[in-house]
């Protein structure tokens, strides 16, 4: 599952930097909470007239956890961190500080693997 999670995270980063709604949708289950959250992030960037650069999400400590209600899904607890990135728009470029590492539980649905939910690990 490590390669699946790393691949989805990298694809999400690329889609956000390209402001590519289709590519972003390919990383999540249509209509899922994860898809809705990503749509809000992308729409916020577009509405602000900003583009993202240098976004890189790192994934570590991928561990299977309890089953989920999604048919065929796998739940994994992961540690995510994001490097500093930039946001550029009409008013110039600003740096967005790196985010501290945090643990989340990803609910992954196969066929192909996509994220359905992102929950805070507790």
C-alpha atoms as a PDB file:
ATOM      1  CA  UNK A   1       0.000   0.000   0.000  1.00  0.00           C
ATOM      2  CA  UNK A   2       2.969   2.327   0.437  1.00  0.00           C
ATOM      3  CA  UNK A   3       3.413   2.774  -3.322  1.00  0.00           C
ATOM      4  CA  UNK A   4      -0.326   3.405  -3.753  1.00  0.00           C
ATOM      5  CA  UNK A   5      -0.381   6.121  -1.072  1.00  0.00           C
ATOM      6  CA  UNK A   6       2.837   7.749  -2.312  1.00  0.00           C
ATOM      7  CA  UNK A   7       1.576   7.688  -5.903  1.00  0.00           C
ATOM      8  CA  UNK A   8      -1.795   9.211  -5.014  1.00  0.00           C
ATOM      9  CA  UNK A   9      -0.164  11.932  -2.911  1.00  0.00           C
ATOM     10  CA  UNK A  10       2.242  12.848  -5.721  1.00  0.00           C
ATOM     11  CA  UNK A  11      -0.565  12.853  -8.299  1.00  0.00           C
ATOM     12  CA  UNK A  12      -2.636  15.132  -6.046  1.00  0.00           C
ATOM     13  CA  UNK A  13       0.281  17.543  -5.640  1.00  0.00           C
ATOM     14  CA  UNK A  14       0.827  17.660  -9.433  1.00  0.00           C
ATOM     15  CA  UNK A  15      -2.893  18.199 -10.076  1.00  0.00           C
ATOM     16  CA  UNK A  16      -3.080  21.080  -7.590  1.00  0.00           C
ATOM     17  CA  UNK A  17       0.040  22.726  -9.056  1.00  0.00           C
ATOM     18  CA  UNK A  18      -1.422  22.373 -12.567  1.00  0.00           C
ATOM     19  CA  UNK A  19      -4.903  23.451 -11.407  1.00  0.00           C
ATOM     20  CA  UNK A  20      -6.121  20.347 -13.260  1.00  0.00           C
ATOM     21  CA  UNK A  21      -9.568  19.393 -11.955  1.00  0.00           C
ATOM     22  CA  UNK A  22      -9.666  16.179 -14.008  1.00  0.00           C
ATOM     23  CA  UNK A  23      -6.310  14.949 -12.727  1.00  0.00           C
ATOM     24  CA  UNK A  24      -7.307  15.875  -9.184  1.00  0.00           C
ATOM     25  CA  UNK A  25     -10.569  13.924  -9.559  1.00  0.00           C
ATOM     26  CA  UNK A  26      -8.559  10.859 -10.599  1.00  0.00           C
ATOM     27  CA  UNK A  27      -7.086  10.683  -7.088  1.00  0.00           C
ATOM     28  CA  UNK A  28     -10.396  10.449  -5.219  1.00  0.00           C
ATOM     29  CA  UNK A  29     -13.662   8.492  -5.277  1.00  0.00           C
ATOM     30  CA  UNK A  30     -16.319  10.588  -7.069  1.00  0.00           C
ATOM     31  CA  UNK A  31     -18.733  12.203  -4.607  1.00  0.00           C
ATOM     32  CA  UNK A  32     -16.681  11.121  -1.590  1.00  0.00           C
ATOM     33  CA  UNK A  33     -15.702  13.387   1.288  1.00  0.00           C
ATOM     34  CA  UNK A  34     -12.118  13.442  -0.047  1.00  0.00           C
ATOM     35  CA  UNK A  35     -13.307  14.502  -3.507  1.00  0.00           C
ATOM     36  CA  UNK A  36     -15.462  17.273  -2.057  1.00  0.00           C
ATOM     37  CA  UNK A  37     -12.582  18.581   0.065  1.00  0.00           C
ATOM     38  CA  UNK A  38     -10.218  18.628  -2.920  1.00  0.00           C
ATOM     39  CA  UNK A  39     -12.794  20.454  -5.063  1.00  0.00           C
ATOM     40  CA  UNK A  40     -13.016  23.126  -2.354  1.00  0.00           C
ATOM     41  CA  UNK A  41      -9.222  23.500  -2.252  1.00  0.00           C
ATOM     42  CA  UNK A  42      -8.942  23.811  -6.033  1.00  0.00           C
ATOM     43  CA  UNK A  43     -11.912  26.180  -6.304  1.00  0.00           C
ATOM     44  CA  UNK A  44     -10.398  28.358  -3.562  1.00  0.00           C
ATOM     45  CA  UNK A  45      -7.156  28.619  -5.523  1.00  0.00           C
ATOM     46  CA  UNK A  46      -8.981  29.433  -8.757  1.00  0.00           C
ATOM     47  CA  UNK A  47     -11.233  32.022  -7.083  1.00  0.00           C
ATOM     48  CA  UNK A  48      -8.178  33.675  -5.508  1.00  0.00           C
ATOM     49  CA  UNK A  49      -6.452  33.703  -8.900  1.00  0.00           C
ATOM     50  CA  UNK A  50      -3.510  31.839  -7.400  1.00  0.00           C
ATOM     51  CA  UNK A  51      -1.313  29.049  -8.642  1.00  0.00           C
ATOM     52  CA  UNK A  52       0.705  26.684  -6.457  1.00  0.00           C
ATOM     53  CA  UNK A  53       4.369  25.875  -6.935  1.00  0.00           C
ATOM     54  CA  UNK A  54       6.776  23.535  -5.195  1.00  0.00           C
ATOM     55  CA  UNK A  55       4.112  21.520  -3.405  1.00  0.00           C
ATOM     56  CA  UNK A  56       5.507  18.224  -2.163  1.00  0.00           C
ATOM     57  CA  UNK A  57       3.715  15.900   0.226  1.00  0.00           C
ATOM     58  CA  UNK A  58       5.831  13.290   1.971  1.00  0.00           C
ATOM     59  CA  UNK A  59       4.321  10.055   3.218  1.00  0.00           C
ATOM     60  CA  UNK A  60       5.796   7.778   5.874  1.00  0.00           C
ATOM     61  CA  UNK A  61       4.752   5.134   8.362  1.00  0.00           C
ATOM     62  CA  UNK A  62       1.971   3.523   6.289  1.00  0.00           C
ATOM     63  CA  UNK A  63       0.188   1.017   8.551  1.00  0.00           C
ATOM     64  CA  UNK A  64      -3.002  -0.968   7.903  1.00  0.00           C
ATOM     65  CA  UNK A  65      -5.753  -0.279  10.440  1.00  0.00           C
ATOM     66  CA  UNK A  66      -9.336  -1.484  10.996  1.00  0.00           C
ATOM     67  CA  UNK A  67     -11.684  -2.171   8.085  1.00  0.00           C
ATOM     68  CA  UNK A  68     -14.146   0.431   6.849  1.00  0.00           C
ATOM     69  CA  UNK A  69     -17.702   0.715   5.606  1.00  0.00           C
ATOM     70  CA  UNK A  70     -16.582   1.295   2.003  1.00  0.00           C
ATOM     71  CA  UNK A  71     -16.862  -1.976   0.003  1.00  0.00           C
ATOM     72  CA  UNK A  72     -13.424  -3.430  -0.746  1.00  0.00           C
ATOM     73  CA  UNK A  73     -11.670  -0.513   0.932  1.00  0.00           C
ATOM     74  CA  UNK A  74      -8.441  -0.512   2.906  1.00  0.00           C
ATOM     75  CA  UNK A  75      -7.772   1.857   5.766  1.00  0.00           C
ATOM     76  CA  UNK A  76      -4.195   2.934   6.391  1.00  0.00           C
ATOM     77  CA  UNK A  77      -2.739   5.250   8.992  1.00  0.00           C
ATOM     78  CA  UNK A  78      -0.015   7.431   7.502  1.00  0.00           C
ATOM     79  CA  UNK A  79       2.171  10.299   8.557  1.00  0.00           C
ATOM     80  CA  UNK A  80       1.947  13.207   6.110  1.00  0.00           C
ATOM     81  CA  UNK A  81       4.076  16.297   5.876  1.00  0.00           C
ATOM     82  CA  UNK A  82       4.234  19.050   3.291  1.00  0.00           C
ATOM     83  CA  UNK A  83       7.189  21.134   2.284  1.00  0.00           C
ATOM     84  CA  UNK A  84       6.984  24.893   1.998  1.00  0.00           C
ATOM     85  CA  UNK A  85       5.368  25.914  -1.283  1.00  0.00           C
ATOM     86  CA  UNK A  86       4.522  29.098  -3.119  1.00  0.00           C
ATOM     87  CA  UNK A  87       1.299  30.735  -4.170  1.00  0.00           C
ATOM     88  CA  UNK A  88       1.460  33.154  -7.058  1.00  0.00           C
ATOM     89  CA  UNK A  89      -1.231  35.540  -8.182  1.00  0.00           C
ATOM     90  CA  UNK A  90      -1.897  39.088  -9.329  1.00  0.00           C
ATOM     91  CA  UNK A  91      -0.423  40.527  -6.128  1.00  0.00           C
ATOM     92  CA  UNK A  92       2.835  38.576  -6.446  1.00  0.00           C
ATOM     93  CA  UNK A  93       4.271  35.404  -4.981  1.00  0.00           C
ATOM     94  CA  UNK A  94       4.167  34.399  -1.344  1.00  0.00           C
ATOM     95  CA  UNK A  95       5.616  31.467   0.510  1.00  0.00           C
ATOM     96  CA  UNK A  96       3.333  29.059   2.312  1.00  0.00           C
ATOM     97  CA  UNK A  97       5.234  27.565   5.263  1.00  0.00           C
ATOM     98  CA  UNK A  98       5.789  23.830   5.530  1.00  0.00           C
ATOM     99  CA  UNK A  99       3.100  21.972   7.435  1.00  0.00           C
ATOM    100  CA  UNK A 100       4.039  19.980  10.505  1.00  0.00           C
ATOM    101  CA  UNK A 101       3.805  16.222  10.205  1.00  0.00           C
ATOM    102  CA  UNK A 102       0.439  14.798  11.135  1.00  0.00           C
ATOM    103  CA  UNK A 103      -1.112  11.370  11.253  1.00  0.00           C
ATOM    104  CA  UNK A 104      -4.245  10.683   9.263  1.00  0.00           C
ATOM    105  CA  UNK A 105      -6.211   7.612   8.268  1.00  0.00           C
ATOM    106  CA  UNK A 106      -6.770   7.274   4.543  1.00  0.00           C
ATOM    107  CA  UNK A 107      -9.685   5.193   3.317  1.00  0.00           C
ATOM    108  CA  UNK A 108      -8.611   3.781  -0.049  1.00  0.00           C
ATOM    109  CA  UNK A 109     -11.016   2.185  -2.517  1.00  0.00           C
ATOM    110  CA  UNK A 110      -9.704  -0.066  -5.330  1.00  0.00           C
ATOM    111  CA  UNK A 111     -10.410  -0.164  -9.054  1.00  0.00           C
ATOM    112  CA  UNK A 112      -8.130   1.903  -9.484  1.00  0.00           C
ATOM    113  CA  UNK A 113      -7.035   2.887  -5.971  1.00  0.00           C
ATOM    114  CA  UNK A 114      -8.449   6.260  -4.952  1.00  0.00           C
ATOM    115  CA  UNK A 115      -8.940   8.121  -1.695  1.00  0.00           C
ATOM    116  CA  UNK A 116     -12.488   8.121  -0.315  1.00  0.00           C
ATOM    117  CA  UNK A 117     -11.876   9.733   3.063  1.00  0.00           C
ATOM    118  CA  UNK A 118      -9.137  11.398   5.060  1.00  0.00           C
ATOM    119  CA  UNK A 119      -9.674  11.190   8.809  1.00  0.00           C
ATOM    120  CA  UNK A 120      -7.598  12.561  11.649  1.00  0.00           C
ATOM    121  CA  UNK A 121      -5.850   9.658  13.351  1.00  0.00           C
ATOM    122  CA  UNK A 122      -6.929   9.305  16.912  1.00  0.00           C
END
